[in-house]
Protein backbone atom coordinates (compact mmCIF):
# COMPACT_ATOMS: atom_id res chain seq x y z
CA MET A 1 8.56 -17.07 35.87
CA ALA A 2 10.38 -19.20 38.41
CA ARG A 3 9.96 -22.29 36.23
CA GLU A 4 11.19 -20.47 33.12
CA SER A 5 14.20 -19.02 34.98
CA TRP A 6 15.09 -22.50 36.29
CA LEU A 7 14.92 -23.99 32.79
CA THR A 8 17.06 -21.12 31.51
CA LYS A 9 19.71 -21.91 34.11
CA VAL A 10 19.69 -25.61 33.17
CA ARG A 11 20.06 -24.75 29.49
CA SER A 12 22.93 -22.36 30.16
CA ALA A 13 24.66 -24.93 32.34
CA MET A 14 24.34 -27.58 29.65
CA SER A 15 25.58 -25.22 26.94
CA SER A 16 28.55 -24.16 29.06
CA SER A 17 29.47 -27.80 29.71
CA THR A 18 29.23 -28.45 25.99
CA LYS A 19 31.54 -25.56 25.20
CA SER A 20 34.04 -26.63 27.84
CA SER A 21 34.21 -30.20 26.48
CA PRO A 22 33.13 -30.15 22.82
CA SER A 23 34.59 -33.52 21.96
CA SER A 24 32.79 -35.38 24.74
CA SER A 25 29.53 -35.58 22.84
CA THR A 26 31.10 -36.72 19.60
CA SER A 27 33.87 -39.09 20.50
CA GLY A 28 32.18 -40.67 23.50
CA ALA A 29 35.10 -39.81 25.83
CA PRO A 30 36.49 -36.54 27.27
CA PRO A 31 39.64 -35.25 25.60
CA LEU A 32 43.02 -35.57 27.17
CA ALA A 33 43.14 -32.70 29.62
CA GLY A 34 46.07 -30.37 29.79
CA ALA A 35 46.61 -31.23 33.44
CA ASN A 36 46.95 -34.89 32.56
CA SER A 37 49.53 -34.17 29.90
CA ARG A 38 51.50 -31.92 32.26
CA LYS A 39 51.48 -34.54 35.01
CA GLY A 40 52.26 -37.38 32.60
CA ASN A 41 49.03 -39.27 33.30
CA VAL A 42 47.81 -41.90 30.87
CA GLY A 43 44.42 -40.23 30.36
CA ILE A 44 42.53 -41.23 27.25
CA LEU A 45 45.24 -43.76 26.39
CA ALA A 46 44.03 -45.87 29.31
CA PHE A 47 41.88 -47.96 26.97
CA GLU A 48 44.84 -48.75 24.71
CA VAL A 49 46.94 -49.56 27.76
CA ALA A 50 44.19 -51.84 29.13
CA ASN A 51 44.25 -53.75 25.86
CA LEU A 52 48.02 -54.16 26.12
CA VAL A 53 47.82 -55.24 29.76
CA SER A 54 45.26 -57.91 28.92
CA LYS A 55 47.43 -59.28 26.11
CA LEU A 56 50.44 -59.59 28.42
CA LEU A 57 48.34 -61.27 31.10
CA HIS A 58 46.99 -63.65 28.49
CA LEU A 59 50.55 -64.56 27.50
CA TRP A 60 51.48 -65.07 31.14
CA ARG A 61 48.66 -67.53 31.67
CA ALA A 62 49.43 -69.24 28.35
CA VAL A 63 52.84 -70.28 29.77
CA GLY A 64 51.46 -71.32 33.15
CA ASP A 65 51.68 -74.86 34.47
CA ALA A 66 48.12 -75.79 33.49
CA ALA A 67 48.39 -74.35 29.98
CA VAL A 68 51.76 -75.99 29.30
CA ALA A 69 50.51 -79.35 30.58
CA ARG A 70 47.47 -79.08 28.32
CA LEU A 71 49.70 -78.20 25.39
CA ARG A 72 52.04 -81.13 26.02
CA HIS A 73 49.43 -83.76 26.89
CA GLU A 74 46.50 -82.82 24.64
CA THR A 75 47.34 -80.39 21.84
CA PHE A 76 50.46 -82.22 20.66
CA TYR A 77 48.50 -85.49 20.44
CA LEU A 78 45.47 -84.28 18.53
CA ASP A 79 44.77 -86.70 15.68
CA GLY A 80 44.74 -83.98 13.07
CA VAL A 81 48.04 -82.53 14.23
CA ARG A 82 49.74 -85.92 14.11
CA LYS A 83 48.30 -86.84 10.71
CA VAL A 84 48.82 -83.74 8.58
CA VAL A 85 51.09 -81.35 10.53
CA SER A 86 53.87 -83.37 12.15
CA ASP A 87 54.44 -86.21 14.60
CA ASP A 88 57.75 -84.70 15.75
CA ASP A 89 57.34 -83.29 19.27
CA ALA A 90 60.44 -81.11 18.88
CA PHE A 91 59.01 -79.42 15.79
CA LEU A 92 55.63 -78.83 17.46
CA LEU A 93 57.36 -77.50 20.56
CA GLY A 94 59.41 -75.05 18.50
CA LEU A 95 56.31 -73.88 16.64
CA ALA A 96 54.36 -73.20 19.85
CA ARG A 97 57.37 -71.41 21.36
CA ALA A 98 57.87 -69.26 18.27
CA GLU A 99 54.22 -68.18 18.30
CA LEU A 100 54.38 -67.12 21.96
CA VAL A 101 57.66 -65.27 21.44
CA ASP A 102 56.31 -63.44 18.39
CA ALA A 103 53.22 -62.33 20.34
CA LEU A 104 55.47 -61.13 23.15
CA ARG A 105 57.62 -59.21 20.64
CA ALA A 106 54.56 -57.33 19.38
CA ALA A 107 53.54 -56.49 22.95
CA GLY A 108 57.10 -55.37 23.73
CA ASP A 109 57.03 -52.96 20.79
CA ALA A 110 53.85 -51.39 22.18
CA VAL A 111 55.43 -51.07 25.63
CA GLY A 112 58.47 -49.42 24.04
CA ALA A 113 56.22 -46.83 22.39
CA LEU A 114 54.69 -45.97 25.77
CA ALA A 115 58.13 -45.89 27.40
CA ALA A 116 59.07 -42.90 25.25
CA ARG A 117 56.58 -40.82 27.30
CA CYS A 118 58.16 -41.71 30.65
CA THR A 119 60.37 -39.38 32.72
CA ASP A 120 62.42 -42.21 34.27
CA PRO A 121 65.51 -42.79 32.08
CA CYS A 122 65.52 -46.49 32.98
CA LEU A 123 62.01 -46.91 31.64
CA ARG A 124 62.85 -44.95 28.50
CA ASP A 125 65.58 -47.53 27.95
CA PHE A 126 63.04 -50.38 27.82
CA ARG A 127 63.61 -51.36 24.17
CA ASP A 128 67.34 -51.90 24.54
CA ALA A 129 66.95 -53.62 27.91
CA PHE A 130 64.26 -55.98 26.59
CA LEU A 131 66.31 -56.89 23.51
CA GLU A 132 69.39 -57.48 25.65
CA PHE A 133 67.45 -59.75 27.99
CA ALA A 134 66.11 -61.71 25.02
CA GLU A 135 69.49 -62.11 23.35
CA VAL A 136 71.93 -62.69 26.22
CA GLY A 137 69.66 -63.06 29.26
CA ARG A 138 71.02 -60.01 31.13
CA ASP A 139 68.40 -58.21 33.21
CA ARG A 140 70.12 -54.90 33.82
CA HIS A 141 67.24 -53.40 35.86
CA ARG A 142 66.11 -56.62 37.56
CA TRP A 143 62.60 -56.30 36.17
CA ALA A 144 61.87 -60.04 36.01
CA ALA A 145 59.91 -61.27 39.03
CA ALA A 146 61.92 -63.18 41.58
CA THR A 147 59.18 -65.81 42.01
CA TRP A 148 56.17 -66.88 39.98
CA LYS A 149 53.90 -66.16 42.94
CA GLU A 150 55.02 -62.57 42.85
CA MET A 151 53.92 -62.37 39.23
CA ASP A 152 50.59 -63.96 40.08
CA VAL A 153 49.97 -61.26 42.69
CA ARG A 154 50.84 -58.57 40.16
CA ALA A 155 48.57 -60.21 37.59
CA ARG A 156 45.58 -60.06 39.95
CA LYS A 157 46.22 -56.37 40.59
CA MET A 158 46.48 -55.67 36.87
CA ASP A 159 43.26 -57.59 36.28
CA LYS A 160 41.47 -55.24 38.66
CA GLN A 161 42.87 -52.22 36.83
CA VAL A 162 41.66 -53.58 33.49
CA ALA A 163 38.20 -54.25 34.92
CA SER A 164 38.07 -50.76 36.39
CA THR A 165 39.10 -49.24 33.06
CA ALA A 166 36.37 -51.17 31.28
CA ALA A 167 33.85 -49.90 33.83
CA LEU A 168 35.13 -46.37 33.23
CA ARG A 169 34.51 -46.74 29.52
CA ARG A 170 30.92 -47.83 30.10
CA ALA A 171 30.32 -45.04 32.64
CA MET A 172 31.64 -42.40 30.25
CA GLU A 173 29.40 -43.67 27.45
CA GLU A 174 26.38 -43.63 29.77
CA LEU A 175 27.22 -40.08 30.90
CA VAL A 176 27.45 -38.84 27.32
CA GLU A 177 24.10 -40.46 26.47
CA ALA A 178 22.45 -38.90 29.53
CA GLU A 179 23.77 -35.42 28.72
CA HIS A 180 22.72 -35.74 25.11
CA GLY A 181 19.23 -36.86 26.17
CA LEU A 182 18.83 -33.87 28.50
CA ARG A 183 19.95 -31.39 25.83
CA LYS A 184 17.52 -32.93 23.34
CA PHE A 185 14.75 -32.79 25.94
CA LEU A 186 15.31 -29.09 26.64
CA ARG A 187 15.62 -28.28 22.94
CA CYS A 188 12.22 -29.83 22.30
CA ASP A 189 10.78 -27.71 25.10
CA VAL A 190 12.02 -24.54 23.45
CA GLY A 191 10.68 -25.55 20.03
CA GLY A 192 7.24 -26.52 21.34
CA GLY A 193 6.41 -23.29 23.16
CA GLY A 194 3.71 -22.05 20.78
CA GLY A 195 0.67 -23.66 22.41
CA GLY A 196 -1.94 -22.26 24.80
CA GLY A 197 -0.91 -20.68 28.07
CA GLY A 198 -2.54 -23.16 30.46
CA HIS A 199 -1.38 -26.16 28.51
CA ARG A 200 2.13 -24.79 28.33
CA ARG A 201 2.23 -24.14 32.10
CA SER A 202 1.19 -27.73 32.94
CA LEU A 203 3.54 -29.20 30.34
CA SER A 204 6.44 -27.13 31.62
CA ALA A 205 5.77 -28.27 35.17
CA SER A 206 6.04 -31.93 34.14
CA LYS A 207 9.16 -31.22 32.11
CA ILE A 208 10.77 -29.48 35.07
CA SER A 209 10.33 -32.62 37.15
CA VAL A 210 11.77 -34.85 34.44
CA ALA A 211 14.67 -32.47 33.80
CA ALA A 212 15.48 -32.33 37.51
CA GLU A 213 15.65 -36.12 37.71
CA GLN A 214 17.82 -36.27 34.60
CA GLN A 215 20.17 -33.64 35.96
CA GLN A 216 20.48 -35.55 39.23
CA LEU A 217 21.30 -38.69 37.24
CA ILE A 218 23.98 -36.83 35.29
CA PHE A 219 25.51 -35.53 38.52
CA SER A 220 25.63 -39.08 39.92
CA LYS A 221 27.26 -40.43 36.77
CA LYS A 222 29.85 -37.66 36.82
CA GLN A 223 30.79 -38.70 40.33
CA ASP A 224 31.14 -42.31 39.19
CA VAL A 225 33.36 -41.28 36.28
CA LYS A 226 35.51 -39.15 38.59
CA HIS A 227 35.95 -42.06 41.00
CA LEU A 228 36.75 -44.56 38.23
CA LYS A 229 39.33 -42.25 36.71
CA GLN A 230 41.17 -42.28 40.04
CA THR A 231 41.06 -46.07 40.49
CA SER A 232 41.64 -47.14 36.88
CA LEU A 233 44.57 -46.78 34.51
CA TRP A 234 43.29 -43.33 33.53
CA GLY A 235 44.81 -41.67 36.61
CA CYS A 236 48.10 -43.58 36.56
CA THR A 237 51.27 -41.95 35.31
CA PHE A 238 53.19 -43.32 32.35
CA ASP A 239 56.05 -44.25 34.66
CA VAL A 240 53.81 -46.41 36.86
CA VAL A 241 52.09 -48.08 33.92
CA VAL A 242 55.26 -48.77 31.93
CA SER A 243 57.04 -50.06 35.03
CA SER A 244 54.28 -52.64 35.56
CA LEU A 245 54.21 -53.57 31.87
CA ALA A 246 57.99 -53.90 31.71
CA ARG A 247 58.13 -56.21 34.71
CA THR A 248 55.35 -58.34 33.23
CA ALA A 249 57.05 -58.57 29.82
CA PHE A 250 60.39 -59.55 31.38
CA THR A 251 58.74 -62.17 33.58
CA VAL A 252 56.81 -63.68 30.67
CA LEU A 253 59.99 -63.88 28.59
CA ALA A 254 61.84 -65.53 31.46
CA ARG A 255 59.02 -68.05 31.82
CA ILE A 256 59.08 -68.85 28.09
CA LYS A 257 62.83 -69.47 28.23
CA LEU A 258 62.44 -71.69 31.25
CA VAL A 259 59.61 -73.79 29.82
CA PHE A 260 60.59 -73.98 26.14
CA GLY A 261 64.32 -73.39 26.27
CA ASP A 262 66.55 -70.40 25.62
CA GLY A 263 67.84 -71.40 22.22
CA GLY A 264 66.55 -73.08 19.12
CA ARG A 265 67.71 -75.06 16.17
CA ASP A 266 67.23 -74.56 12.49
CA GLN A 267 64.13 -76.76 12.32
CA ARG A 268 62.63 -77.41 8.96
CA HIS A 269 59.30 -79.05 8.36
CA ALA A 270 59.76 -82.43 9.97
CA PRO A 271 58.89 -85.44 7.78
CA LEU A 272 55.71 -87.24 8.74
CA HIS A 273 55.65 -90.86 9.77
CA ARG A 274 56.18 -93.31 6.92
CA SER A 275 52.74 -94.85 7.39
CA LEU A 276 51.03 -91.49 6.93
CA THR A 277 50.88 -91.66 3.16
CA LEU A 278 48.11 -90.18 1.04
CA SER A 279 45.89 -93.19 1.61
CA SER A 280 46.70 -93.69 5.27
CA ALA A 281 45.90 -90.03 5.96
CA VAL A 282 42.31 -90.97 5.17
CA HIS A 283 42.35 -94.58 6.39
CA PRO A 284 45.18 -94.91 8.94
CA SER A 285 46.94 -98.25 8.76
CA LEU A 286 47.53 -100.57 11.64
CA ASP A 287 51.26 -99.83 11.44
CA ALA A 288 50.80 -96.24 12.58
CA PRO A 289 52.23 -95.47 16.02
CA PRO A 290 49.54 -95.71 18.70
CA THR A 291 48.33 -92.58 20.41
CA PRO A 292 49.79 -92.37 23.94
CA SER A 293 47.31 -93.21 26.63
CA ARG A 294 46.39 -90.97 29.53
CA LYS A 295 48.62 -92.99 31.79
CA SER A 296 51.63 -92.73 29.49
CA MET A 297 51.08 -88.98 29.17
CA SER A 298 51.04 -88.30 32.90
CA MET A 299 53.58 -85.98 34.48
CA GLU A 300 55.23 -88.88 36.29
CA THR A 301 55.92 -91.06 33.27
CA LEU A 302 56.40 -88.42 30.57
CA PRO A 303 59.82 -86.75 30.53
CA PRO A 304 59.91 -82.94 30.69
CA PHE A 305 60.88 -80.73 27.79
CA ASP A 306 64.46 -81.44 26.80
CA VAL A 307 65.59 -77.88 27.43
CA VAL A 308 69.29 -78.77 27.76
CA ALA A 309 69.34 -80.59 24.45
CA THR A 310 67.49 -77.75 22.77
CA VAL A 311 70.07 -75.24 24.00
CA GLN A 312 73.02 -77.44 22.99
CA VAL A 313 71.86 -77.86 19.39
CA GLN A 314 71.85 -74.17 18.52
CA SER A 315 72.71 -73.86 14.86
CA ALA A 316 74.74 -71.32 12.95
CA SER A 317 71.59 -69.77 11.52
CA LYS A 318 70.27 -69.15 15.04
CA ARG A 319 73.50 -67.39 15.99
CA ARG A 320 73.34 -65.23 12.90
CA ARG A 321 69.73 -64.24 13.51
CA GLY A 322 68.40 -62.57 16.63
CA PHE A 323 66.09 -64.11 19.18
CA PHE A 324 62.91 -62.54 17.85
CA GLU A 325 63.94 -62.80 14.20
CA TYR A 326 64.48 -66.54 14.57
CA SER A 327 61.01 -66.98 16.07
CA SER A 328 59.41 -64.96 13.29
CA ALA A 329 61.19 -67.08 10.67
CA THR A 330 59.93 -70.27 12.33
CA LEU A 331 56.34 -69.14 11.83
CA VAL A 332 56.72 -69.01 8.04
CA PRO A 333 54.98 -72.13 6.62
CA PRO A 334 57.36 -74.24 4.51
CA ALA A 335 56.70 -75.28 0.93
CA GLY A 336 54.13 -78.01 0.49
CA THR A 337 51.81 -76.73 3.23
CA LEU A 338 48.48 -75.01 2.92
CA GLY A 339 49.87 -71.92 4.61
CA ALA A 340 52.61 -71.56 2.00
CA ALA A 341 49.96 -71.66 -0.74
CA ALA A 342 47.65 -69.29 1.22
CA LEU A 343 44.89 -71.92 1.06
CA ALA A 344 44.33 -72.61 4.75
CA PRO A 345 41.22 -70.38 5.15
CA ARG A 346 39.76 -71.71 1.89
CA TYR A 347 40.14 -75.35 2.89
CA ALA A 348 38.82 -74.56 6.37
CA GLY A 349 35.61 -73.18 4.87
CA LEU A 350 35.40 -76.16 2.54
CA VAL A 351 35.70 -78.68 5.36
CA ILE A 352 33.14 -76.83 7.49
CA SER A 353 30.69 -76.84 4.58
CA ILE A 354 31.19 -80.59 4.08
CA GLU A 355 30.69 -81.16 7.81
CA ARG A 356 27.38 -79.32 7.69
CA MET A 357 26.18 -81.25 4.63
CA ALA A 358 27.27 -84.60 6.05
CA ARG A 359 24.85 -84.24 8.97
CA SER A 360 21.85 -84.62 6.64
CA PRO A 361 22.88 -85.00 2.99
CA ARG A 362 19.34 -85.37 1.63
CA ARG A 363 18.13 -82.10 3.19
CA MET A 364 21.32 -80.02 3.17
CA VAL A 365 22.62 -80.79 -0.32
CA GLY A 366 20.73 -79.00 -3.07
CA PRO A 367 21.66 -77.58 -6.47
CA GLU A 368 22.84 -74.25 -5.00
CA GLU A 369 24.85 -75.95 -2.26
CA ARG A 370 26.51 -78.27 -4.79
CA ASP A 371 27.47 -75.37 -7.04
CA GLU A 372 28.84 -73.39 -4.11
CA LEU A 373 30.82 -76.38 -2.86
CA TYR A 374 32.23 -77.09 -6.30
CA GLY A 375 33.30 -73.46 -6.64
CA MET A 376 35.38 -73.76 -3.48
CA LEU A 377 37.44 -76.66 -4.83
CA THR A 378 40.92 -76.15 -6.19
CA ALA A 379 42.05 -77.52 -9.54
CA SER A 380 43.98 -80.37 -7.92
CA VAL A 381 40.95 -81.55 -5.91
CA ARG A 382 38.72 -81.32 -8.97
CA SER A 383 41.10 -83.52 -10.94
CA GLN A 384 41.14 -86.10 -8.15
CA LEU A 385 37.35 -86.10 -8.05
CA ARG A 386 37.07 -86.65 -11.80
CA ALA A 387 39.37 -89.64 -11.51
CA ARG A 388 37.45 -91.09 -8.57
CA LEU A 389 33.95 -90.52 -9.99
CA ARG A 390 34.69 -91.52 -13.59
CA GLY A 391 32.94 -94.67 -14.77
CA ALA A 392 29.80 -96.51 -13.74
CA VAL A 393 27.95 -95.35 -10.65
CA ALA A 394 27.76 -97.95 -7.89
CA GLU A 395 24.34 -99.35 -7.17
CA ALA A 396 22.60 -98.45 -3.97
CA ASP A 397 23.88 -100.68 -1.19
CA ALA A 398 22.87 -100.14 2.44
CA GLY A 399 26.03 -101.80 3.73
CA LEU A 400 28.31 -99.68 1.54
CA ALA A 401 26.41 -96.53 2.52
CA SER A 402 26.91 -97.38 6.19
CA GLU A 403 30.64 -97.84 5.61
CA TRP A 404 30.85 -94.47 3.86
CA ARG A 405 29.02 -92.77 6.73
CA ALA A 406 31.52 -94.25 9.17
CA ALA A 407 34.40 -93.12 6.95
CA LEU A 408 32.98 -89.59 6.75
CA GLY A 409 32.62 -89.45 10.51
CA GLY A 410 36.14 -90.76 11.04
CA ILE A 411 37.76 -88.16 8.77
CA LEU A 412 35.69 -85.25 10.04
CA GLU A 413 36.49 -86.25 13.61
CA TRP A 414 40.08 -85.03 13.21
CA LEU A 415 39.84 -82.68 10.21
CA ALA A 416 36.83 -80.58 11.28
CA PRO A 417 38.46 -79.38 14.57
CA MET A 418 41.44 -78.15 12.58
CA ALA A 419 39.14 -76.25 10.21
CA HIS A 420 37.31 -74.58 13.08
CA ALA A 421 40.63 -73.80 14.80
CA THR A 422 41.81 -72.13 11.59
CA VAL A 423 38.75 -69.89 11.52
CA ARG A 424 39.20 -68.97 15.20
CA TRP A 425 42.91 -68.30 14.75
CA GLN A 426 42.24 -66.01 11.79
CA ALA A 427 39.48 -64.16 13.67
CA GLU A 428 41.62 -63.61 16.76
CA ARG A 429 44.36 -62.00 14.70
CA SER A 430 42.39 -60.11 12.08
CA PHE A 431 43.02 -56.40 11.81
CA GLU A 432 39.36 -55.45 12.17
CA GLN A 433 39.03 -57.51 15.34
CA ARG A 434 42.04 -55.79 16.92
CA LYS A 435 40.76 -52.38 15.84
CA THR A 436 37.31 -52.98 17.32
CA THR A 437 38.75 -54.33 20.55
CA THR A 438 41.09 -51.45 21.19
CA THR A 439 38.54 -48.73 20.53
CA THR A 440 35.18 -49.89 21.78
CA ASP A 441 34.93 -52.93 24.01
CA ILE A 442 37.67 -54.19 26.29
CA SER A 443 35.56 -57.20 27.24
CA ARG A 444 36.22 -58.71 23.79
CA LEU A 445 39.88 -59.28 24.59
CA PRO A 446 41.35 -62.81 24.48
CA PRO A 447 40.25 -65.06 27.35
CA ARG A 448 42.32 -64.68 30.47
CA GLY A 449 42.21 -68.31 31.50
CA GLY A 450 44.30 -69.54 28.57
CA SER A 451 41.82 -72.32 27.76
CA GLY A 452 40.48 -70.46 24.75
CA ASN A 453 43.89 -69.91 23.17
CA THR A 454 44.31 -71.45 19.70
CA PHE A 455 47.85 -72.30 18.66
CA LEU A 456 49.05 -72.14 15.09
CA LEU A 457 49.91 -75.83 15.11
CA GLN A 458 46.22 -76.67 15.65
CA THR A 459 45.25 -74.97 12.38
CA LEU A 460 45.69 -75.90 8.73
CA GLN A 461 48.50 -73.40 8.20
CA PHE A 462 51.25 -76.00 8.58
CA ALA A 463 49.17 -78.94 7.30
CA ASP A 464 50.56 -80.97 4.42
CA ARG A 465 48.64 -79.95 1.32
CA ASP A 466 48.65 -83.36 -0.38
CA LYS A 467 47.32 -85.12 2.69
CA VAL A 468 44.55 -82.58 3.28
CA GLU A 469 43.50 -82.72 -0.36
CA ALA A 470 43.40 -86.52 -0.22
CA ALA A 471 41.16 -86.34 2.84
CA VAL A 472 38.90 -83.73 1.23
CA SER A 473 38.58 -85.83 -1.94
CA GLU A 474 37.63 -88.83 0.17
CA LEU A 475 35.01 -86.75 1.96
CA LEU A 476 33.48 -85.57 -1.30
CA VAL A 477 33.34 -89.06 -2.79
CA GLY A 478 31.71 -90.43 0.35
CA LEU A 479 29.28 -87.52 0.57
CA ASN A 480 28.33 -88.04 -3.08
CA TYR A 481 27.52 -91.73 -2.54
CA VAL A 482 25.59 -91.18 0.71
CA TRP A 483 23.59 -88.37 -0.87
CA ARG A 484 22.69 -90.50 -3.89
CA PHE A 485 21.78 -93.46 -1.70
CA GLU A 486 19.44 -91.41 0.50
CA LYS A 487 17.81 -89.78 -2.53
CA GLU A 488 17.23 -93.18 -4.16
CA MET A 489 15.78 -94.64 -0.97
CA SER A 490 13.47 -91.64 -0.69
CA CYS A 491 12.44 -92.11 -4.33
CA ARG A 492 11.66 -95.79 -3.77
CA ALA A 493 9.62 -94.98 -0.67
CA LEU A 494 7.61 -92.33 -2.51
CA PHE A 495 6.93 -94.70 -5.40
CA ALA A 496 5.81 -97.47 -3.03
CA VAL A 497 3.34 -95.11 -1.35
CA HIS A 498 2.11 -93.89 -4.71
CA ARG A 499 1.56 -97.47 -5.94
CA GLN A 500 -0.34 -98.40 -2.80
CA LEU A 501 -2.65 -95.45 -3.28
CA LEU A 502 -3.30 -96.44 -6.89
CA ASP A 503 -3.88 -100.10 -5.94
CA GLY A 504 -6.40 -99.00 -3.34
CA THR A 505 -8.45 -97.13 -5.93
CA GLY A 506 -8.21 -99.91 -8.53
CA ALA A 507 -6.15 -97.84 -10.95
CA ALA A 508 -2.75 -99.42 -10.55
CA GLU A 509 -2.68 -100.43 -14.23
CA ASP A 510 -2.69 -96.75 -15.29
CA THR A 511 0.47 -95.80 -13.43
CA GLY A 512 2.88 -96.46 -16.30
CA ARG A 513 6.05 -98.42 -16.21
CA ASN A 514 8.42 -95.62 -15.41
CA CYS A 515 8.43 -92.41 -13.41
CA LEU A 516 11.03 -89.74 -12.71
CA VAL A 517 11.25 -88.62 -9.12
CA GLY A 518 13.78 -86.04 -7.96
CA GLY A 519 16.20 -86.67 -10.87
CA TYR A 520 16.13 -90.50 -10.57
CA ALA A 521 14.49 -92.98 -12.96
CA VAL A 522 12.34 -95.55 -11.11
CA ASP A 523 10.65 -98.49 -12.83
CA GLY A 524 7.51 -100.24 -11.79
CA SER A 525 9.34 -102.94 -9.84
CA GLY A 526 10.54 -100.34 -7.34
CA ASN A 527 14.19 -100.50 -8.36
CA GLY A 528 15.86 -97.13 -8.80
CA THR A 529 18.81 -96.17 -10.93
CA VAL A 530 20.81 -92.96 -10.93
CA SER A 531 20.03 -90.74 -13.90
CA SER A 532 22.56 -87.97 -13.32
CA CYS A 533 25.84 -87.32 -11.54
CA ALA A 534 26.18 -84.28 -9.32
């Protein structure tokens, strides 16, 4: 009787906890309590706020000294960027600045939505204050940090809050799973009570021990959740959270203006260097400007960003448009680029497929792969291929095949990184990725160190379409020749082995003068000729 009464108490306690928090077992997180709403605490919105905090911290580190030096010394001088995007540093600088400002604008809109829940009238005025600071540089509430070290200290504190909020999320999920497991365990005990008396008494005794351990585990997890709610963003008020976010947003904007300049000019797509024609995009000429060396790109010899000149050349269009509107307009790819034709993801997948096939053409290129690759080509690339492949097929030449392999490697060396950067850039900004990040796993947020950040200028969005198509056509022609050469060499080797086997058995005269191996006609002399064009 004592065991049954104890189990009855456990069941009633579990059922009462279920009734008191019905949404905890379904949504994976307790609902926003009435006390939290009365006190103005963040509550369940802590996970959304943690996502926003991480984005602002990522922007702060993206404009740090190390990130800006890497952008100026490495990203601007990537071979692919110089060949098919632009070799104008001012244009690349404006593009990077516009992307950072646009990301900050989106974060500022989210902070403004949270500011509407604040009780402090200054915080509720965040939208107007932020826009005023962006347009005219007036910080009416002095929210921008006085020193960069002060912002670094605040960033470390905010990092701890984000980590604590992520731990809270995991603890709440573990608590829900433990409670659900105990309820299921007790429900099975009630349903399986039709056996013999002695067997039931021994089984109940073992279940009591297991249930007691599970209940103790649930109590411990509840204490962990209670502690994490106090130390994470869950227990903070909207005023405290928005105040920290507002100061971070103002400081990041001030840093962007300091590093990249306050104004802008009506930059159009800068013309590429004269030597970067359609042919030189594939085979750069000797007249192309040399890539700066490490020594010439050092901080001592390289002049800083020409902020004064950038501010002085503000155009009429910049004065007509607002600060954020001008940055958004800069991110629109101009005509003649892959981004304007919405072909950047398609060409990125095409280049990645060619890169994979080029590693081992004989093994990786089959009928299905060729059909799939041909289906990815645009009409303009197909017409270029027909013109290049029309006529007699070149005979197998080891020297020519070696030259084509070197050419393939040289083109993929600068084009493949841009294709992979395009895929990463699209994945980081896809709607599904943002939705999954904000609702389930805070650890999938952008990297905090800034090293994993992919700028738009590294992708194929602003790449010249004609130049990329010329490079892709060159890749396909080279891949076609290398594939045919390796197939023919394999055919010759197979025929030589086959002839040796027949000579060893004394039946070489019965082999016939011709054989067809793998789609290639091979005569008895061992010479192979191409029988089809793929």
